[in-house]
Protein backbone atom coordinates (compact mmCIF):
# COMPACT_ATOMS: atom_id res chain seq x y z
CA UNK A 1 157.48 156.60 90.54
CA UNK A 2 159.68 153.60 91.31
CA UNK A 3 157.61 152.81 94.39
CA UNK A 4 154.39 152.97 92.37
CA UNK A 5 155.90 150.60 89.81
CA UNK A 6 156.94 148.11 92.49
CA UNK A 7 153.54 148.30 94.14
CA UNK A 8 151.90 147.59 90.79
CA UNK A 9 154.16 144.56 90.26
CA UNK A 10 153.39 143.24 93.74
CA UNK A 11 149.64 143.75 93.37
CA UNK A 12 149.68 141.96 90.01
CA UNK A 13 151.52 138.90 91.24
CA UNK A 14 150.28 138.89 94.86
CA UNK A 15 146.97 140.78 94.91
CA UNK A 16 145.25 141.68 98.16
CA UNK A 17 142.02 139.83 98.94
CA UNK A 18 140.01 143.02 98.49
CA UNK A 19 141.72 144.17 95.28
CA UNK A 20 139.60 145.09 92.25
CA UNK A 21 140.46 141.95 90.26
CA UNK A 22 141.60 139.65 93.05
CA UNK A 23 143.31 136.39 92.05
CA UNK A 24 142.41 136.91 88.40
CA UNK A 25 145.61 138.91 87.98
CA UNK A 26 148.19 136.13 88.58
CA UNK A 27 145.93 133.59 86.86
CA UNK A 28 145.85 135.67 83.68
CA UNK A 29 149.60 136.21 83.89
CA UNK A 30 149.98 132.42 83.93
CA UNK A 31 147.75 132.17 80.86
CA UNK A 32 149.91 134.77 79.12
CA UNK A 33 152.92 132.53 79.78
CA UNK A 34 150.90 129.69 78.29
CA UNK A 35 150.41 131.72 75.10
CA UNK A 36 154.15 132.05 74.63
CA UNK A 37 154.62 128.30 75.07
CA UNK A 38 151.89 127.38 72.61
CA UNK A 39 152.84 129.88 69.92
CA UNK A 40 156.49 128.83 70.15
CA UNK A 41 155.40 125.25 69.48
CA UNK A 42 153.05 126.16 66.63
CA UNK A 43 155.48 128.44 64.81
CA UNK A 44 158.55 126.26 65.21
CA UNK A 45 156.97 122.82 64.82
CA UNK A 46 153.88 123.36 62.70
CA UNK A 47 155.45 125.76 60.20
CA UNK A 48 154.95 129.50 59.89
CA UNK A 49 151.62 129.64 61.68
CA UNK A 50 150.44 130.97 65.02
CA UNK A 51 147.54 129.54 67.01
CA UNK A 52 147.16 132.50 69.39
CA UNK A 53 148.45 135.55 67.53
CA UNK A 54 145.85 136.07 64.82
CA UNK A 55 147.35 139.35 63.66
CA UNK A 56 150.41 137.39 62.65
CA UNK A 57 148.29 134.81 60.83
CA UNK A 58 146.52 137.47 58.79
CA UNK A 59 149.91 138.81 57.71
CA UNK A 60 151.16 135.26 57.02
CA UNK A 61 148.09 134.64 54.88
CA UNK A 62 149.02 137.70 52.85
CA UNK A 63 152.56 136.35 52.46
CA UNK A 64 151.23 132.98 51.35
CA UNK A 65 148.85 134.55 48.83
CA UNK A 66 151.82 136.45 47.39
CA UNK A 67 153.70 133.17 46.97
CA UNK A 68 156.29 133.68 49.71
CA UNK A 69 158.06 130.37 50.44
CA UNK A 70 157.46 128.67 53.79
CA UNK A 71 153.96 130.05 54.31
CA UNK A 72 150.73 128.12 53.82
CA UNK A 73 147.35 129.51 52.82
CA UNK A 74 145.62 126.44 54.21
CA UNK A 75 147.45 126.48 57.56
CA UNK A 76 146.74 130.18 58.12
CA UNK A 77 143.06 129.76 57.23
CA UNK A 78 142.66 126.69 59.45
CA UNK A 79 144.25 128.57 62.35
CA UNK A 80 141.97 131.57 61.82
CA UNK A 81 138.81 129.47 61.56
CA UNK A 82 139.78 127.35 64.58
CA UNK A 83 140.52 130.43 66.66
CA UNK A 84 137.17 131.93 65.63
CA UNK A 85 135.41 128.71 66.61
CA UNK A 86 137.10 128.71 70.01
CA UNK A 87 136.17 132.35 70.52
CA UNK A 88 132.57 131.46 69.67
CA UNK A 89 132.58 128.76 72.35
CA UNK A 90 134.17 131.20 74.78
CA UNK A 91 131.51 133.75 73.98
CA UNK A 92 128.75 131.26 74.73
CA UNK A 93 130.36 130.31 78.04
CA UNK A 94 130.79 133.98 78.87
CA UNK A 95 127.17 134.81 78.09
CA UNK A 96 126.03 132.14 80.55
CA UNK A 97 128.56 132.56 83.36
CA UNK A 98 129.94 136.04 82.83
CA UNK A 99 128.18 137.50 85.86
CA UNK A 100 130.56 135.54 88.11
CA UNK A 101 134.15 135.72 86.90
CA UNK A 102 135.47 132.82 88.97
CA UNK A 103 132.83 130.45 87.60
CA UNK A 104 133.45 131.70 84.08
CA UNK A 105 137.19 131.13 84.31
CA UNK A 106 136.75 127.72 85.94
CA UNK A 107 134.43 126.52 83.16
CA UNK A 108 136.41 128.02 80.28
CA UNK A 109 139.77 126.83 81.58
CA UNK A 110 138.39 123.31 82.04
CA UNK A 111 137.25 123.20 78.40
CA UNK A 112 140.56 124.68 77.27
CA UNK A 113 142.41 122.03 79.27
CA UNK A 114 140.57 119.33 77.32
CA UNK A 115 141.75 120.81 74.01
CA UNK A 116 145.32 121.16 75.28
CA UNK A 117 145.25 117.57 76.52
CA UNK A 118 144.23 116.51 73.01
CA UNK A 119 147.15 118.50 71.60
CA UNK A 120 149.58 116.74 73.95
CA UNK A 121 148.30 113.36 72.78
CA UNK A 122 148.53 114.34 69.11
CA UNK A 123 152.04 115.77 69.51
CA UNK A 124 153.24 112.72 71.45
CA UNK A 125 151.90 110.32 68.84
CA UNK A 126 153.28 112.38 65.95
CA UNK A 127 156.78 112.46 67.43
CA UNK A 128 159.47 114.48 65.69
CA UNK A 129 158.07 113.89 62.20
CA UNK A 130 154.79 115.81 62.18
CA UNK A 131 152.87 114.72 59.10
CA UNK A 132 150.24 116.91 57.43
CA UNK A 133 147.39 115.13 59.20
CA UNK A 134 148.89 115.68 62.64
CA UNK A 135 149.89 119.22 61.70
CA UNK A 136 146.37 120.30 60.89
CA UNK A 137 144.93 118.37 63.80
CA UNK A 138 147.24 120.26 66.15
CA UNK A 139 146.41 123.59 64.54
CA UNK A 140 142.70 122.92 65.03
CA UNK A 141 142.83 121.92 68.71
CA UNK A 142 145.37 124.57 69.66
CA UNK A 143 143.67 127.33 67.69
CA UNK A 144 140.34 126.46 69.28
CA UNK A 145 141.90 126.43 72.75
CA UNK A 146 143.48 129.84 72.26
CA UNK A 147 140.35 131.39 70.76
CA UNK A 148 138.47 130.22 73.84
CA UNK A 149 141.15 131.73 76.07
CA UNK A 150 141.05 135.06 74.28
CA UNK A 151 137.26 135.31 74.47
CA UNK A 152 137.37 134.44 78.16
CA UNK A 153 140.02 137.05 78.94
CA UNK A 154 137.97 139.60 77.03
CA UNK A 155 134.89 138.81 79.11
CA UNK A 156 136.88 138.94 82.36
CA UNK A 157 137.88 142.47 81.34
CA UNK A 158 141.07 142.83 83.37
CA UNK A 159 142.94 145.80 81.83
CA UNK A 160 146.26 144.99 80.11
CA UNK A 161 145.91 141.23 80.63
CA UNK A 162 144.36 140.00 77.40
CA UNK A 163 146.71 136.95 77.57
CA UNK A 164 147.23 136.66 73.80
CA UNK A 165 147.78 140.19 72.45
CA UNK A 166 150.52 142.61 73.49
CA UNK A 167 150.27 145.40 70.92
CA UNK A 168 148.02 147.65 73.02
CA UNK A 169 149.91 146.68 76.17
CA UNK A 170 153.25 147.80 74.73
CA UNK A 171 151.62 150.92 73.30
CA UNK A 172 150.28 151.77 76.77
CA UNK A 173 153.73 151.40 78.35
CA UNK A 174 155.05 154.12 76.03
CA UNK A 175 151.98 156.34 75.59
CA UNK A 176 151.17 156.51 79.33
CA UNK A 177 154.76 156.92 80.46
CA UNK A 178 156.02 160.04 82.21
CA UNK A 179 158.22 160.68 79.17
CA UNK A 180 155.04 161.10 77.13
CA UNK A 181 153.47 163.31 79.80
CA UNK A 182 151.43 160.51 81.37
CA UNK A 183 151.38 159.04 84.86
CA UNK A 184 153.04 155.73 84.03
CA UNK A 185 149.88 153.96 85.18
CA UNK A 186 149.90 150.15 85.58
CA UNK A 187 153.28 149.93 83.86
CA UNK A 188 154.25 147.15 86.26
CA UNK A 189 151.31 144.99 85.20
CA UNK A 190 151.97 145.69 81.54
CA UNK A 191 155.65 144.79 81.78
CA UNK A 192 154.77 141.59 83.63
CA UNK A 193 152.43 140.63 80.77
CA UNK A 194 155.19 141.24 78.22
CA UNK A 195 157.72 139.34 80.32
CA UNK A 196 155.34 136.40 80.80
CA UNK A 197 154.85 135.92 77.07
CA UNK A 198 158.56 136.39 76.44
CA UNK A 199 159.45 133.76 79.04
CA UNK A 200 156.85 131.40 77.61
CA UNK A 201 158.27 131.82 74.12
CA UNK A 202 161.81 131.37 75.39
CA UNK A 203 161.00 128.20 77.32
CA UNK A 204 158.92 126.83 74.45
CA UNK A 205 161.64 127.41 71.87
CA UNK A 206 164.36 126.00 74.11
CA UNK A 207 162.34 122.82 74.67
CA UNK A 208 161.55 122.41 70.97
CA UNK A 209 165.21 122.72 70.01
CA UNK A 210 166.92 121.03 72.95
CA UNK A 211 164.41 118.58 74.42
CA UNK A 212 161.16 116.92 73.36
CA UNK A 213 158.83 118.91 71.11
CA UNK A 214 155.80 117.91 73.15
CA UNK A 215 157.16 119.48 76.36
CA UNK A 216 155.88 123.05 75.72
CA UNK A 217 152.36 121.67 75.32
CA UNK A 218 152.72 119.56 78.45
CA UNK A 219 153.75 122.60 80.48
CA UNK A 220 150.89 124.60 78.95
CA UNK A 221 148.50 121.83 80.00
CA UNK A 222 149.81 121.93 83.57
CA UNK A 223 149.35 125.71 83.62
CA UNK A 224 145.75 125.64 82.42
CA UNK A 225 144.83 122.76 84.72
CA UNK A 226 146.24 124.78 87.63
CA UNK A 227 144.21 127.81 86.53
CA UNK A 228 141.07 125.67 86.22
CA UNK A 229 141.58 124.06 89.63
CA UNK A 230 142.27 127.38 91.34
CA UNK A 231 139.24 129.00 89.73
CA UNK A 232 137.10 126.01 90.64
CA UNK A 233 138.08 126.50 94.27
CA UNK A 234 136.98 130.15 94.06
CA UNK A 235 133.64 129.57 92.31
CA UNK A 236 131.65 130.03 95.54
CA UNK A 237 133.33 133.32 96.37
CA UNK A 238 131.12 136.39 96.47
CA UNK A 239 133.86 138.96 96.94
CA UNK A 240 133.56 142.12 94.84
CA UNK A 241 136.21 140.98 92.32
CA UNK A 242 133.95 138.23 90.93
CA UNK A 243 131.75 140.92 89.38
CA UNK A 244 132.88 142.86 86.34
């Protein structure tokens, strides 16, 4: 069981050339780290709002409607609409390029990089005092970027690497474990996904509190540019992993 777990970890981070999902595995892990960075920034800097975790925003909207202090109806709605818009764009990209996963990821990550670059500029100009205008501008560009990412990950269809949602991943760790009578399948990949988002959130929060607030977004931009560049280099590949 331990050996199977370690093999799963290795194949997730360093997949073989002929593996089912090829280099998509570490690329999606990197995008999961990105999610932690971006949501740390949005929650801690932009108020009680997420730009990637829409389940949280729906709950926050309920809090705001009930009059709970510190929660904003407008911010939650803007995040939800922006995420939906980004997912719509991601769906359109996926419908055109979805037959070749490297080309899909290269195109989607490039568009996402543009939105994250805009967020870096907005955050840098806003400085430590984020006014309402900058706040909503950041929610829009970040929410759109993360909706695009989620739609792309959905189209890529790599199990347990949705990059923005961990509920089913954590459920699978428990429900498929040997303690529950399962085989403990892909537990290594699932734990890596959880760890990646945790590390992203940790780094993002540490930078917000102890460095410059824009730094989490800058790191997120570097991550997505790296993903886009790597995917661009693989767009001519015809190995089996490029097909869903």
